[in-house]
Amino acid sequence: MARRRRSPSSNDGLRAWLLAEAVEFRTALTTRTVVEPGGARIVRETEHSAVRAAIWRELSGPVEALSAGEACALHRYQLPDNHPAAQHYAGSPSDVLELGVDDVLRLVVD
């Protein structure tokens, strides 16, 4: 089992943490792990079917925005559990937030 990366308890390091989570999620949905006899695990890129290619494109948006330092929208439930904005009293898990280019997290109000 992979060791869980340390999550930030403030906005310092939040962009890097979110990027690592987004890359890991995208990889998990577009690759497969094959367990061979004897327990050896091999990670292989899956065939790029139209569906997998669409998944890759859709999940690449946040990866590209976070890695480029651009503003990125996310939901409160995507924050690390120990982040102050993730606490139950901070709002609804489905609230839309934006991590700005200045790495400040803001609530998006329609």
PDB file of N, CA and C in Angstrom:
ATOM      1  N   MET A   1       0.842  -1.171   0.000  1.00  0.00           N
ATOM      2  CA  MET A   1       0.000   0.000   0.000  1.00  0.00           C
ATOM      3  C   MET A   1       0.894   1.244   0.000  1.00  0.00           C
ATOM      4  N   ALA A   2       0.524   2.214  -0.782  1.00  0.00           N
ATOM      5  CA  ALA A   2       1.307   3.447  -0.881  1.00  0.00           C
ATOM      6  C   ALA A   2       1.179   4.251   0.409  1.00  0.00           C
ATOM      7  N   ARG A   3       2.250   4.871   0.796  1.00  0.00           N
ATOM      8  CA  ARG A   3       2.236   5.712   1.978  1.00  0.00           C
ATOM      9  C   ARG A   3       1.542   7.022   1.657  1.00  0.00           C
ATOM     10  N   ARG A   4       0.640   7.435   2.516  1.00  0.00           N
ATOM     11  CA  ARG A   4      -0.132   8.658   2.296  1.00  0.00           C
ATOM     12  C   ARG A   4       0.760   9.866   2.510  1.00  0.00           C
ATOM     13  N   ARG A   5       0.726  10.806   1.581  1.00  0.00           N
ATOM     14  CA  ARG A   5       1.550  11.999   1.724  1.00  0.00           C
ATOM     15  C   ARG A   5       0.972  12.894   2.807  1.00  0.00           C
ATOM     16  N   ARG A   6       1.839  13.615   3.451  1.00  0.00           N
ATOM     17  CA  ARG A   6       1.422  14.520   4.520  1.00  0.00           C
ATOM     18  C   ARG A   6       0.597  15.650   3.922  1.00  0.00           C
ATOM     19  N   SER A   7      -0.557  15.883   4.508  1.00  0.00           N
ATOM     20  CA  SER A   7      -1.439  16.913   3.977  1.00  0.00           C
ATOM     21  C   SER A   7      -1.213  18.232   4.700  1.00  0.00           C
ATOM     22  N   PRO A   8      -1.337  19.333   3.982  1.00  0.00           N
ATOM     23  CA  PRO A   8      -1.125  20.649   4.600  1.00  0.00           C
ATOM     24  C   PRO A   8      -2.316  21.044   5.455  1.00  0.00           C
ATOM     25  N   SER A   9      -2.039  21.732   6.561  1.00  0.00           N
ATOM     26  CA  SER A   9      -3.120  22.189   7.436  1.00  0.00           C
ATOM     27  C   SER A   9      -3.438  23.659   7.192  1.00  0.00           C
ATOM     28  N   SER A  10      -2.855  24.224   6.152  1.00  0.00           N
ATOM     29  CA  SER A  10      -3.141  25.605   5.758  1.00  0.00           C
ATOM     30  C   SER A  10      -2.970  25.691   4.244  1.00  0.00           C
ATOM     31  N   ASN A  11      -2.998  26.906   3.690  1.00  0.00           N
ATOM     32  CA  ASN A  11      -2.828  27.055   2.247  1.00  0.00           C
ATOM     33  C   ASN A  11      -1.386  26.850   1.807  1.00  0.00           C
ATOM     34  N   ASP A  12      -0.433  26.897   2.751  1.00  0.00           N
ATOM     35  CA  ASP A  12       0.961  26.629   2.404  1.00  0.00           C
ATOM     36  C   ASP A  12       1.087  25.170   1.992  1.00  0.00           C
ATOM     37  N   GLY A  13       1.499  24.939   0.791  1.00  0.00           N
ATOM     38  CA  GLY A  13       1.656  23.574   0.292  1.00  0.00           C
ATOM     39  C   GLY A  13       0.378  22.955  -0.241  1.00  0.00           C
ATOM     40  N   LEU A  14      -0.731  23.696  -0.193  1.00  0.00           N
ATOM     41  CA  LEU A  14      -2.005  23.145  -0.654  1.00  0.00           C
ATOM     42  C   LEU A  14      -1.981  22.847  -2.148  1.00  0.00           C
ATOM     43  N   ARG A  15      -1.421  23.746  -2.948  1.00  0.00           N
ATOM     44  CA  ARG A  15      -1.372  23.537  -4.403  1.00  0.00           C
ATOM     45  C   ARG A  15      -0.594  22.257  -4.728  1.00  0.00           C
ATOM     46  N   ALA A  16       0.542  22.069  -4.106  1.00  0.00           N
ATOM     47  CA  ALA A  16       1.347  20.872  -4.373  1.00  0.00           C
ATOM     48  C   ALA A  16       0.608  19.608  -3.942  1.00  0.00           C
ATOM     49  N   TRP A  17      -0.084  19.673  -2.814  1.00  0.00           N
ATOM     50  CA  TRP A  17      -0.840  18.519  -2.327  1.00  0.00           C
ATOM     51  C   TRP A  17      -1.984  18.198  -3.281  1.00  0.00           C
ATOM     52  N   LEU A  18      -2.748  19.218  -3.691  1.00  0.00           N
ATOM     53  CA  LEU A  18      -3.854  19.007  -4.623  1.00  0.00           C
ATOM     54  C   LEU A  18      -3.358  18.465  -5.961  1.00  0.00           C
ATOM     55  N   LEU A  19      -2.214  18.968  -6.428  1.00  0.00           N
ATOM     56  CA  LEU A  19      -1.641  18.486  -7.686  1.00  0.00           C
ATOM     57  C   LEU A  19      -1.285  17.009  -7.571  1.00  0.00           C
ATOM     58  N   ALA A  20      -0.626  16.629  -6.493  1.00  0.00           N
ATOM     59  CA  ALA A  20      -0.257  15.222  -6.315  1.00  0.00           C
ATOM     60  C   ALA A  20      -1.497  14.338  -6.256  1.00  0.00           C
ATOM     61  N   GLU A  21      -2.542  14.784  -5.577  1.00  0.00           N
ATOM     62  CA  GLU A  21      -3.791  14.028  -5.510  1.00  0.00           C
ATOM     63  C   GLU A  21      -4.435  13.901  -6.886  1.00  0.00           C
ATOM     64  N   ALA A  22      -4.442  14.999  -7.659  1.00  0.00           N
ATOM     65  CA  ALA A  22      -5.059  14.987  -8.993  1.00  0.00           C
ATOM     66  C   ALA A  22      -4.306  14.066  -9.947  1.00  0.00           C
ATOM     67  N   VAL A  23      -2.990  14.095  -9.885  1.00  0.00           N
ATOM     68  CA  VAL A  23      -2.174  13.220 -10.736  1.00  0.00           C
ATOM     69  C   VAL A  23      -2.404  11.762 -10.356  1.00  0.00           C
ATOM     70  N   GLU A  24      -2.436  11.484  -9.061  1.00  0.00           N
ATOM     71  CA  GLU A  24      -2.652  10.118  -8.597  1.00  0.00           C
ATOM     72  C   GLU A  24      -4.031   9.603  -9.024  1.00  0.00           C
ATOM     73  N   PHE A  25      -5.050  10.440  -8.914  1.00  0.00           N
ATOM     74  CA  PHE A  25      -6.409  10.055  -9.302  1.00  0.00           C
ATOM     75  C   PHE A  25      -6.493   9.794 -10.807  1.00  0.00           C
ATOM     76  N   ARG A  26      -5.915  10.699 -11.593  1.00  0.00           N
ATOM     77  CA  ARG A  26      -5.925  10.531 -13.052  1.00  0.00           C
ATOM     78  C   ARG A  26      -5.201   9.248 -13.449  1.00  0.00           C
ATOM     79  N   THR A  27      -4.074   8.990 -12.830  1.00  0.00           N
ATOM     80  CA  THR A  27      -3.308   7.784 -13.129  1.00  0.00           C
ATOM     81  C   THR A  27      -4.085   6.534 -12.741  1.00  0.00           C
ATOM     82  N   ALA A  28      -4.744   6.574 -11.588  1.00  0.00           N
ATOM     83  CA  ALA A  28      -5.504   5.416 -11.127  1.00  0.00           C
ATOM     84  C   ALA A  28      -6.642   5.065 -12.076  1.00  0.00           C
ATOM     85  N   LEU A  29      -7.249   6.071 -12.684  1.00  0.00           N
ATOM     86  CA  LEU A  29      -8.370   5.812 -13.589  1.00  0.00           C
ATOM     87  C   LEU A  29      -7.946   5.480 -15.013  1.00  0.00           C
ATOM     88  N   THR A  30      -6.696   5.684 -15.348  1.00  0.00           N
ATOM     89  CA  THR A  30      -6.274   5.445 -16.730  1.00  0.00           C
ATOM     90  C   THR A  30      -5.162   4.405 -16.849  1.00  0.00           C
ATOM     91  N   THR A  31      -4.822   3.753 -15.768  1.00  0.00           N
ATOM     92  CA  THR A  31      -3.846   2.659 -15.807  1.00  0.00           C
ATOM     93  C   THR A  31      -4.427   1.469 -15.063  1.00  0.00           C
ATOM     94  N   ARG A  32      -3.771   0.370 -15.180  1.00  0.00           N
ATOM     95  CA  ARG A  32      -4.220  -0.807 -14.441  1.00  0.00           C
ATOM     96  C   ARG A  32      -3.013  -1.500 -13.834  1.00  0.00           C
ATOM     97  N   THR A  33      -3.243  -2.142 -12.717  1.00  0.00           N
ATOM     98  CA  THR A  33      -2.200  -2.913 -12.054  1.00  0.00           C
ATOM     99  C   THR A  33      -2.483  -4.384 -12.298  1.00  0.00           C
ATOM    100  N   VAL A  34      -1.504  -5.080 -12.796  1.00  0.00           N
ATOM    101  CA  VAL A  34      -1.633  -6.509 -13.062  1.00  0.00           C
ATOM    102  C   VAL A  34      -0.840  -7.241 -11.993  1.00  0.00           C
ATOM    103  N   VAL A  35      -1.485  -8.153 -11.307  1.00  0.00           N
ATOM    104  CA  VAL A  35      -0.792  -8.979 -10.320  1.00  0.00           C
ATOM    105  C   VAL A  35      -0.509 -10.321 -10.979  1.00  0.00           C
ATOM    106  N   GLU A  36       0.764 -10.600 -11.127  1.00  0.00           N
ATOM    107  CA  GLU A  36       1.171 -11.831 -11.790  1.00  0.00           C
ATOM    108  C   GLU A  36       1.340 -12.946 -10.760  1.00  0.00           C
ATOM    109  N   PRO A  37       1.373 -14.192 -11.219  1.00  0.00           N
ATOM    110  CA  PRO A  37       1.615 -15.297 -10.285  1.00  0.00           C
ATOM    111  C   PRO A  37       2.895 -15.036  -9.493  1.00  0.00           C
ATOM    112  N   GLY A  38       2.831 -15.241  -8.222  1.00  0.00           N
ATOM    113  CA  GLY A  38       3.978 -14.954  -7.374  1.00  0.00           C
ATOM    114  C   GLY A  38       3.859 -13.601  -6.694  1.00  0.00           C
ATOM    115  N   GLY A  39       2.822 -12.841  -7.039  1.00  0.00           N
ATOM    116  CA  GLY A  39       2.558 -11.577  -6.352  1.00  0.00           C
ATOM    117  C   GLY A  39       3.211 -10.350  -6.948  1.00  0.00           C
ATOM    118  N   ALA A  40       3.946 -10.486  -8.046  1.00  0.00           N
ATOM    119  CA  ALA A  40       4.586  -9.308  -8.652  1.00  0.00           C
ATOM    120  C   ALA A  40       3.518  -8.381  -9.212  1.00  0.00           C
ATOM    121  N   ARG A  41       3.658  -7.087  -8.935  1.00  0.00           N
ATOM    122  CA  ARG A  41       2.704  -6.094  -9.444  1.00  0.00           C
ATOM    123  C   ARG A  41       3.358  -5.309 -10.576  1.00  0.00           C
ATOM    124  N   ILE A  42       2.652  -5.200 -11.662  1.00  0.00           N
ATOM    125  CA  ILE A  42       3.139  -4.457 -12.814  1.00  0.00           C
ATOM    126  C   ILE A  42       2.083  -3.430 -13.184  1.00  0.00           C
ATOM    127  N   VAL A  43       2.486  -2.169 -13.263  1.00  0.00           N
ATOM    128  CA  VAL A  43       1.560  -1.117 -13.664  1.00  0.00           C
ATOM    129  C   VAL A  43       1.744  -0.895 -15.153  1.00  0.00           C
ATOM    130  N   ARG A  44       0.649  -0.957 -15.865  1.00  0.00           N
ATOM    131  CA  ARG A  44       0.705  -0.798 -17.321  1.00  0.00           C
ATOM    132  C   ARG A  44      -0.258   0.291 -17.750  1.00  0.00           C
ATOM    133  N   GLU A  45       0.157   1.026 -18.744  1.00  0.00           N
ATOM    134  CA  GLU A  45      -0.774   1.965 -19.375  1.00  0.00           C
ATOM    135  C   GLU A  45      -1.831   1.122 -20.075  1.00  0.00           C
ATOM    136  N   THR A  46      -3.058   1.497 -19.905  1.00  0.00           N
ATOM    137  CA  THR A  46      -4.123   0.746 -20.556  1.00  0.00           C
ATOM    138  C   THR A  46      -4.251   1.181 -22.000  1.00  0.00           C
ATOM    139  N   GLU A  47      -4.971   0.395 -22.738  1.00  0.00           N
ATOM    140  CA  GLU A  47      -5.234   0.733 -24.121  1.00  0.00           C
ATOM    141  C   GLU A  47      -5.961   2.071 -24.129  1.00  0.00           C
ATOM    142  N   HIS A  48      -5.601   2.935 -25.027  1.00  0.00           N
ATOM    143  CA  HIS A  48      -6.238   4.251 -25.068  1.00  0.00           C
ATOM    144  C   HIS A  48      -7.512   4.177 -25.901  1.00  0.00           C
ATOM    145  N   SER A  49      -8.526   3.611 -25.274  1.00  0.00           N
ATOM    146  CA  SER A  49      -9.831   3.597 -25.935  1.00  0.00           C
ATOM    147  C   SER A  49     -10.372   5.023 -25.912  1.00  0.00           C
ATOM    148  N   ALA A  50     -11.433   5.230 -26.625  1.00  0.00           N
ATOM    149  CA  ALA A  50     -12.044   6.567 -26.662  1.00  0.00           C
ATOM    150  C   ALA A  50     -12.485   6.997 -25.270  1.00  0.00           C
ATOM    151  N   VAL A  51     -12.989   6.071 -24.479  1.00  0.00           N
ATOM    152  CA  VAL A  51     -13.441   6.404 -23.128  1.00  0.00           C
ATOM    153  C   VAL A  51     -12.266   6.783 -22.243  1.00  0.00           C
ATOM    154  N   ARG A  52     -11.220   5.994 -22.272  1.00  0.00           N
ATOM    155  CA  ARG A  52     -10.044   6.297 -21.442  1.00  0.00           C
ATOM    156  C   ARG A  52      -9.388   7.612 -21.864  1.00  0.00           C
ATOM    157  N   ALA A  53      -9.364   7.867 -23.151  1.00  0.00           N
ATOM    158  CA  ALA A  53      -8.799   9.132 -23.639  1.00  0.00           C
ATOM    159  C   ALA A  53      -9.644  10.306 -23.146  1.00  0.00           C
ATOM    160  N   ALA A  54     -10.954  10.142 -23.135  1.00  0.00           N
ATOM    161  CA  ALA A  54     -11.835  11.201 -22.640  1.00  0.00           C
ATOM    162  C   ALA A  54     -11.632  11.418 -21.140  1.00  0.00           C
ATOM    163  N   ILE A  55     -11.459  10.339 -20.395  1.00  0.00           N
ATOM    164  CA  ILE A  55     -11.200  10.452 -18.952  1.00  0.00           C
ATOM    165  C   ILE A  55      -9.889  11.197 -18.732  1.00  0.00           C
ATOM    166  N   TRP A  56      -8.860  10.829 -19.469  1.00  0.00           N
ATOM    167  CA  TRP A  56      -7.553  11.485 -19.339  1.00  0.00           C
ATOM    168  C   TRP A  56      -7.672  12.981 -19.607  1.00  0.00           C
ATOM    169  N   ARG A  57      -8.362  13.343 -20.687  1.00  0.00           N
ATOM    170  CA  ARG A  57      -8.523  14.768 -21.034  1.00  0.00           C
ATOM    171  C   ARG A  57      -9.279  15.516 -19.939  1.00  0.00           C
ATOM    172  N   GLU A  58     -10.361  14.937 -19.459  1.00  0.00           N
ATOM    173  CA  GLU A  58     -11.184  15.589 -18.437  1.00  0.00           C
ATOM    174  C   GLU A  58     -10.398  15.803 -17.139  1.00  0.00           C
ATOM    175  N   LEU A  59      -9.642  14.805 -16.728  1.00  0.00           N
ATOM    176  CA  LEU A  59      -8.897  14.897 -15.476  1.00  0.00           C
ATOM    177  C   LEU A  59      -7.583  15.667 -15.623  1.00  0.00           C
ATOM    178  N   SER A  60      -7.190  15.967 -16.847  1.00  0.00           N
ATOM    179  CA  SER A  60      -5.965  16.741 -17.069  1.00  0.00           C
ATOM    180  C   SER A  60      -6.171  18.229 -16.843  1.00  0.00           C
ATOM    181  N   GLY A  61      -7.401  18.722 -16.913  1.00  0.00           N
ATOM    182  CA  GLY A  61      -7.667  20.139 -16.696  1.00  0.00           C
ATOM    183  C   GLY A  61      -7.147  20.636 -15.355  1.00  0.00           C
ATOM    184  N   PRO A  62      -7.566  20.013 -14.238  1.00  0.00           N
ATOM    185  CA  PRO A  62      -7.050  20.442 -12.943  1.00  0.00           C
ATOM    186  C   PRO A  62      -5.544  20.230 -12.798  1.00  0.00           C
ATOM    187  N   VAL A  63      -5.032  19.140 -13.348  1.00  0.00           N
ATOM    188  CA  VAL A  63      -3.588  18.870 -13.266  1.00  0.00           C
ATOM    189  C   VAL A  63      -2.811  19.996 -13.944  1.00  0.00           C
ATOM    190  N   GLU A  64      -3.237  20.371 -15.140  1.00  0.00           N
ATOM    191  CA  GLU A  64      -2.544  21.426 -15.883  1.00  0.00           C
ATOM    192  C   GLU A  64      -2.674  22.779 -15.193  1.00  0.00           C
ATOM    193  N   ALA A  65      -3.860  23.104 -14.685  1.00  0.00           N
ATOM    194  CA  ALA A  65      -4.061  24.390 -14.000  1.00  0.00           C
ATOM    195  C   ALA A  65      -3.222  24.473 -12.729  1.00  0.00           C
ATOM    196  N   LEU A  66      -3.227  23.418 -11.939  1.00  0.00           N
ATOM    197  CA  LEU A  66      -2.449  23.423 -10.693  1.00  0.00           C
ATOM    198  C   LEU A  66      -0.949  23.497 -10.977  1.00  0.00           C
ATOM    199  N   SER A  67      -0.484  22.734 -11.959  1.00  0.00           N
ATOM    200  CA  SER A  67       0.957  22.729 -12.242  1.00  0.00           C
ATOM    201  C   SER A  67       1.429  24.040 -12.860  1.00  0.00           C
ATOM    202  N   ALA A  68       0.527  24.758 -13.550  1.00  0.00           N
ATOM    203  CA  ALA A  68       0.892  26.034 -14.169  1.00  0.00           C
ATOM    204  C   ALA A  68       0.727  27.221 -13.211  1.00  0.00           C
ATOM    205  N   GLY A  69       0.232  26.954 -12.008  1.00  0.00           N
ATOM    206  CA  GLY A  69       0.036  28.041 -11.052  1.00  0.00           C
ATOM    207  C   GLY A  69      -1.194  28.880 -11.334  1.00  0.00           C
ATOM    208  N   GLU A  70      -2.110  28.342 -12.147  1.00  0.00           N
ATOM    209  CA  GLU A  70      -3.339  29.064 -12.490  1.00  0.00           C
ATOM    210  C   GLU A  70      -4.397  28.842 -11.413  1.00  0.00           C
ATOM    211  N   ALA A  71      -5.456  29.645 -11.464  1.00  0.00           N
ATOM    212  CA  ALA A  71      -6.585  29.450 -10.564  1.00  0.00           C
ATOM    213  C   ALA A  71      -7.233  28.110 -10.890  1.00  0.00           C
ATOM    214  N   CYS A  72      -7.728  27.440  -9.853  1.00  0.00           N
ATOM    215  CA  CYS A  72      -8.312  26.123 -10.043  1.00  0.00           C
ATOM    216  C   CYS A  72      -9.513  25.960  -9.116  1.00  0.00           C
ATOM    217  N   ALA A  73     -10.623  25.541  -9.691  1.00  0.00           N
ATOM    218  CA  ALA A  73     -11.834  25.296  -8.907  1.00  0.00           C
ATOM    219  C   ALA A  73     -11.794  23.891  -8.310  1.00  0.00           C
ATOM    220  N   LEU A  74     -12.334  23.758  -7.118  1.00  0.00           N
ATOM    221  CA  LEU A  74     -12.426  22.463  -6.455  1.00  0.00           C
ATOM    222  C   LEU A  74     -13.592  22.495  -5.487  1.00  0.00           C
ATOM    223  N   HIS A  75     -13.952  21.334  -4.981  1.00  0.00           N
ATOM    224  CA  HIS A  75     -15.000  21.246  -3.976  1.00  0.00           C
ATOM    225  C   HIS A  75     -14.359  21.118  -2.597  1.00  0.00           C
ATOM    226  N   ARG A  76     -15.091  21.554  -1.598  1.00  0.00           N
ATOM    227  CA  ARG A  76     -14.573  21.516  -0.227  1.00  0.00           C
ATOM    228  C   ARG A  76     -14.153  20.098   0.176  1.00  0.00           C
ATOM    229  N   TYR A  77     -14.886  19.082  -0.292  1.00  0.00           N
ATOM    230  CA  TYR A  77     -14.548  17.704   0.082  1.00  0.00           C
ATOM    231  C   TYR A  77     -13.199  17.251  -0.467  1.00  0.00           C
ATOM    232  N   GLN A  78     -12.628  17.981  -1.426  1.00  0.00           N
ATOM    233  CA  GLN A  78     -11.335  17.617  -1.993  1.00  0.00           C
ATOM    234  C   GLN A  78     -10.164  18.121  -1.140  1.00  0.00           C
ATOM    235  N   LEU A  79     -10.450  18.946  -0.154  1.00  0.00           N
ATOM    236  CA  LEU A  79      -9.394  19.459   0.715  1.00  0.00           C
ATOM    237  C   LEU A  79      -8.922  18.369   1.663  1.00  0.00           C
ATOM    238  N   PRO A  80      -7.681  18.473   2.128  1.00  0.00           N
ATOM    239  CA  PRO A  80      -7.216  17.510   3.125  1.00  0.00           C
ATOM    240  C   PRO A  80      -8.044  17.654   4.404  1.00  0.00           C
ATOM    241  N   ASP A  81      -8.257  16.562   5.097  1.00  0.00           N
ATOM    242  CA  ASP A  81      -9.102  16.561   6.288  1.00  0.00           C
ATOM    243  C   ASP A  81      -8.670  17.563   7.355  1.00  0.00           C
ATOM    244  N   ASN A  82      -7.376  17.810   7.465  1.00  0.00           N
ATOM    245  CA  ASN A  82      -6.905  18.705   8.522  1.00  0.00           C
ATOM    246  C   ASN A  82      -6.839  20.175   8.104  1.00  0.00           C
ATOM    247  N   HIS A  83      -7.300  20.488   6.898  1.00  0.00           N
ATOM    248  CA  HIS A  83      -7.314  21.884   6.452  1.00  0.00           C
ATOM    249  C   HIS A  83      -8.473  22.605   7.147  1.00  0.00           C
ATOM    250  N   PRO A  84      -8.261  23.837   7.638  1.00  0.00           N
ATOM    251  CA  PRO A  84      -9.341  24.554   8.338  1.00  0.00           C
ATOM    252  C   PRO A  84     -10.613  24.713   7.513  1.00  0.00           C
ATOM    253  N   ALA A  85     -10.505  24.882   6.212  1.00  0.00           N
ATOM    254  CA  ALA A  85     -11.689  25.066   5.369  1.00  0.00           C
ATOM    255  C   ALA A  85     -12.425  23.756   5.118  1.00  0.00           C
ATOM    256  N   ALA A  86     -11.858  22.629   5.522  1.00  0.00           N
ATOM    257  CA  ALA A  86     -12.503  21.332   5.323  1.00  0.00           C
ATOM    258  C   ALA A  86     -13.359  20.932   6.521  1.00  0.00           C
ATOM    259  N   GLN A  87     -13.285  21.680   7.602  1.00  0.00           N
ATOM    260  CA  GLN A  87     -14.009  21.324   8.823  1.00  0.00           C
ATOM    261  C   GLN A  87     -15.513  21.423   8.619  1.00  0.00           C
ATOM    262  N   HIS A  88     -16.252  20.617   9.340  1.00  0.00           N
ATOM    263  CA  HIS A  88     -17.709  20.537   9.165  1.00  0.00           C
ATOM    264  C   HIS A  88     -18.400  21.875   9.376  1.00  0.00           C
ATOM    265  N   TYR A  89     -17.849  22.730  10.208  1.00  0.00           N
ATOM    266  CA  TYR A  89     -18.476  24.030  10.476  1.00  0.00           C
ATOM    267  C   TYR A  89     -18.132  25.074   9.414  1.00  0.00           C
ATOM    268  N   ALA A  90     -17.223  24.736   8.496  1.00  0.00           N
ATOM    269  CA  ALA A  90     -16.779  25.706   7.494  1.00  0.00           C
ATOM    270  C   ALA A  90     -17.770  25.847   6.341  1.00  0.00           C
ATOM    271  N   GLY A  91     -18.614  24.857   6.145  1.00  0.00           N
ATOM    272  CA  GLY A  91     -19.573  24.910   5.051  1.00  0.00           C
ATOM    273  C   GLY A  91     -19.911  23.523   4.555  1.00  0.00           C
ATOM    274  N   SER A  92     -20.602  23.464   3.447  1.00  0.00           N
ATOM    275  CA  SER A  92     -21.025  22.198   2.859  1.00  0.00           C
ATOM    276  C   SER A  92     -19.873  21.540   2.106  1.00  0.00           C
ATOM    277  N   PRO A  93     -19.763  20.210   2.159  1.00  0.00           N
ATOM    278  CA  PRO A  93     -18.713  19.521   1.401  1.00  0.00           C
ATOM    279  C   PRO A  93     -18.788  19.803  -0.098  1.00  0.00           C
ATOM    280  N   SER A  94     -19.985  20.138  -0.599  1.00  0.00           N
ATOM    281  CA  SER A  94     -20.136  20.380  -2.031  1.00  0.00           C
ATOM    282  C   SER A  94     -19.891  21.839  -2.425  1.00  0.00           C
ATOM    283  N   ASP A  95     -19.537  22.702  -1.472  1.00  0.00           N
ATOM    284  CA  ASP A  95     -19.217  24.098  -1.803  1.00  0.00           C
ATOM    285  C   ASP A  95     -18.115  24.146  -2.841  1.00  0.00           C
ATOM    286  N   VAL A  96     -18.236  25.064  -3.784  1.00  0.00           N
ATOM    287  CA  VAL A  96     -17.193  25.256  -4.791  1.00  0.00           C
ATOM    288  C   VAL A  96     -16.228  26.315  -4.279  1.00  0.00           C
ATOM    289  N   LEU A  97     -14.963  25.974  -4.290  1.00  0.00           N
ATOM    290  CA  LEU A  97     -13.896  26.872  -3.855  1.00  0.00           C
ATOM    291  C   LEU A  97     -12.965  27.114  -5.034  1.00  0.00           C
ATOM    292  N   GLU A  98     -12.163  28.148  -4.919  1.00  0.00           N
ATOM    293  CA  GLU A  98     -11.151  28.410  -5.938  1.00  0.00           C
ATOM    294  C   GLU A  98      -9.826  28.676  -5.248  1.00  0.00           C
ATOM    295  N   LEU A  99      -8.808  27.949  -5.692  1.00  0.00           N
ATOM    296  CA  LEU A  99      -7.448  28.239  -5.252  1.00  0.00           C
ATOM    297  C   LEU A  99      -6.895  29.197  -6.292  1.00  0.00           C
ATOM    298  N   GLY A 100      -6.703  30.462  -5.884  1.00  0.00           N
ATOM    299  CA  GLY A 100      -6.278  31.494  -6.821  1.00  0.00           C
ATOM    300  C   GLY A 100      -4.808  31.397  -7.186  1.00  0.00           C
ATOM    301  N   VAL A 101      -4.392  32.233  -8.119  1.00  0.00           N
ATOM    302  CA  VAL A 101      -2.986  32.271  -8.534  1.00  0.00           C
ATOM    303  C   VAL A 101      -2.085  32.689  -7.378  1.00  0.00           C
ATOM    304  N   ASP A 102      -2.682  33.361  -6.389  1.00  0.00           N
ATOM    305  CA  ASP A 102      -1.937  33.769  -5.193  1.00  0.00           C
ATOM    306  C   ASP A 102      -1.967  32.700  -4.104  1.00  0.00           C
ATOM    307  N   ASP A 103      -2.480  31.513  -4.438  1.00  0.00           N
ATOM    308  CA  ASP A 103      -2.603  30.371  -3.524  1.00  0.00           C
ATOM    309  C   ASP A 103      -3.485  30.663  -2.314  1.00  0.00           C
ATOM    310  N   VAL A 104      -4.455  31.541  -2.506  1.00  0.00           N
ATOM    311  CA  VAL A 104      -5.440  31.817  -1.477  1.00  0.00           C
ATOM    312  C   VAL A 104      -6.732  31.110  -1.875  1.00  0.00           C
ATOM    313  N   LEU A 105      -7.323  30.403  -0.923  1.00  0.00           N
ATOM    314  CA  LEU A 105      -8.547  29.662  -1.155  1.00  0.00           C
ATOM    315  C   LEU A 105      -9.748  30.557  -0.915  1.00  0.00           C
ATOM    316  N   ARG A 106     -10.659  30.608  -1.887  1.00  0.00           N
ATOM    317  CA  ARG A 106     -11.835  31.467  -1.790  1.00  0.00           C
ATOM    318  C   ARG A 106     -13.088  30.674  -2.108  1.00  0.00           C
ATOM    319  N   LEU A 107     -14.199  31.046  -1.444  1.00  0.00           N
ATOM    320  CA  LEU A 107     -15.501  30.456  -1.737  1.00  0.00           C
ATOM    321  C   LEU A 107     -16.051  31.103  -2.998  1.00  0.00           C
ATOM    322  N   VAL A 108     -16.528  30.290  -3.936  1.00  0.00           N
ATOM    323  CA  VAL A 108     -17.122  30.796  -5.157  1.00  0.00           C
ATOM    324  C   VAL A 108     -18.615  30.955  -4.905  1.00  0.00           C
ATOM    325  N   VAL A 109     -19.097  32.183  -5.056  1.00  0.00           N
ATOM    326  CA  VAL A 109     -20.511  32.483  -4.843  1.00  0.00           C
ATOM    327  C   VAL A 109     -21.133  32.798  -6.185  1.00  0.00           C
ATOM    328  N   ASP A 110     -22.239  32.119  -6.485  1.00  0.00           N
ATOM    329  CA  ASP A 110     -22.920  32.372  -7.764  1.00  0.00           C
ATOM    330  C   ASP A 110     -23.620  33.701  -7.767  1.00  0.00           C
TER     331      ASP A 110
END
